[in-house]
Protein backbone atom coordinates (compact mmCIF):
# COMPACT_ATOMS: atom_id res chain seq x y z
CA MET A 1 16.07 -17.40 4.80
CA LYS A 2 13.76 -16.75 7.75
CA SER A 3 12.94 -13.07 8.29
CA ARG A 4 12.18 -11.70 11.72
CA ILE A 5 9.42 -9.10 11.89
CA ASP A 6 9.28 -6.65 14.79
CA ILE A 7 5.51 -6.81 15.16
CA GLU A 8 5.53 -4.26 18.00
CA HIS A 9 7.16 -1.70 15.72
CA VAL A 10 4.88 -2.53 12.78
CA SER A 11 1.74 -2.29 14.90
CA THR A 12 2.91 1.04 16.35
CA LEU A 13 3.54 2.44 12.86
CA ALA A 14 0.11 1.23 11.72
CA HIS A 15 -1.58 2.48 14.92
CA LEU A 16 -2.98 -0.99 15.63
CA CYS A 17 -3.88 -2.30 19.05
CA LEU A 18 -3.23 -6.02 18.80
CA GLY A 19 -3.68 -8.74 21.38
CA PRO A 20 -1.03 -11.43 21.94
CA GLU A 21 -2.78 -13.95 19.66
CA GLU A 22 -3.18 -11.39 16.89
CA LYS A 23 0.48 -10.36 17.19
CA SER A 24 1.61 -13.97 16.92
CA ALA A 25 -0.58 -14.71 13.90
CA LEU A 26 0.27 -11.46 12.13
CA SER A 27 3.99 -11.84 12.79
CA SER A 28 3.95 -15.33 11.28
CA GLN A 29 2.00 -14.15 8.23
CA LEU A 30 4.27 -11.15 7.61
CA GLU A 31 7.40 -13.30 7.92
CA LYS A 32 6.02 -15.68 5.26
CA ILE A 33 5.26 -12.75 2.95
CA VAL A 34 8.73 -11.25 3.35
CA ASP A 35 10.38 -14.63 2.77
CA TRP A 36 8.28 -15.17 -0.36
CA VAL A 37 9.23 -11.75 -1.75
CA GLY A 38 12.88 -12.55 -0.97
CA LYS A 39 12.63 -15.67 -3.14
CA LEU A 40 11.62 -13.48 -6.08
CA GLU A 41 14.96 -11.68 -5.82
CA GLU A 42 16.76 -15.01 -6.32
CA LEU A 43 15.28 -15.46 -9.81
CA ASP A 44 17.66 -14.96 -12.71
CA LEU A 45 15.41 -13.10 -15.14
CA PRO A 46 16.57 -11.97 -18.58
CA ARG A 47 16.62 -8.21 -18.89
CA GLY A 48 15.32 -6.30 -21.89
CA GLU A 49 15.81 -2.63 -22.69
CA GLU A 50 13.03 -1.60 -20.33
CA GLY A 51 13.92 -4.01 -17.50
CA PRO A 52 13.07 -7.65 -16.74
CA GLU A 53 11.14 -9.37 -19.51
CA CYS A 54 7.67 -10.39 -18.59
CA HIS A 55 5.31 -12.78 -20.32
CA LEU A 56 1.92 -11.59 -19.16
CA ASP A 57 -1.26 -10.90 -21.08
CA PHE A 58 -1.29 -7.22 -20.18
CA PRO A 59 1.31 -4.44 -20.51
CA LEU A 60 3.19 -3.37 -17.41
CA CYS A 61 4.44 -0.14 -18.91
CA PRO A 62 3.09 2.97 -17.22
CA ARG A 63 0.87 5.02 -19.46
CA PRO A 64 2.18 8.42 -20.51
CA ASP A 65 1.08 11.46 -18.55
CA GLU A 66 -1.66 13.47 -20.18
CA VAL A 67 -3.45 16.59 -19.11
CA ARG A 68 -7.14 16.02 -18.44
CA GLU A 69 -9.95 18.15 -17.13
CA SER A 70 -10.36 17.56 -13.40
CA LEU A 71 -13.52 17.44 -11.33
CA SER A 72 -15.02 20.66 -10.08
CA PRO A 73 -15.06 20.99 -6.27
CA GLU A 74 -18.84 20.71 -6.30
CA ARG A 75 -18.73 17.46 -8.32
CA ALA A 76 -15.93 16.01 -6.20
CA LEU A 77 -17.93 16.71 -3.02
CA SER A 78 -21.29 15.60 -4.40
CA ASN A 79 -21.23 12.27 -2.48
CA ALA A 80 -19.32 13.46 0.60
CA PRO A 81 -21.33 12.99 3.81
CA ASP A 82 -20.28 16.37 5.17
CA GLY A 83 -18.78 18.42 2.38
CA GLU A 84 -18.37 22.15 2.57
CA CYS A 85 -16.76 23.48 -0.60
CA PRO A 86 -13.90 23.23 -1.18
CA PHE A 87 -13.26 20.84 1.72
CA ILE A 88 -14.44 17.49 3.07
CA LYS A 89 -15.00 17.47 6.82
CA VAL A 90 -13.63 14.38 8.55
CA PRO A 91 -13.26 13.40 12.19
CA LYS A 92 -9.98 14.22 13.89
CA VAL A 93 -7.66 11.23 13.74
CA ILE A 94 -4.37 12.58 15.10
CA GLU A 95 -3.95 12.81 18.83
CA GLU A 96 -1.82 15.52 20.35
CA ARG A 97 1.08 14.33 22.46
């Protein structure tokens, strides 16, 4: 099944300015990715109690939530280029319309 990607819409959502060649290449790449993911849905996988069985060398189960001590604002900002507790100053990225 060939998927059609609206590259104009995707680039607008991602705030990307793409040239015609980039749009063509990216559109082709995204269509291949979507088609590949679609093929995964066609697999008939046995289901266990927790979902599809998986035979990997590492667990896929999410670890349980646990309360931990968090960083102090000073520690969190220790490597920030322009940190002013308790905030990190960043350049404005949203344009007003």
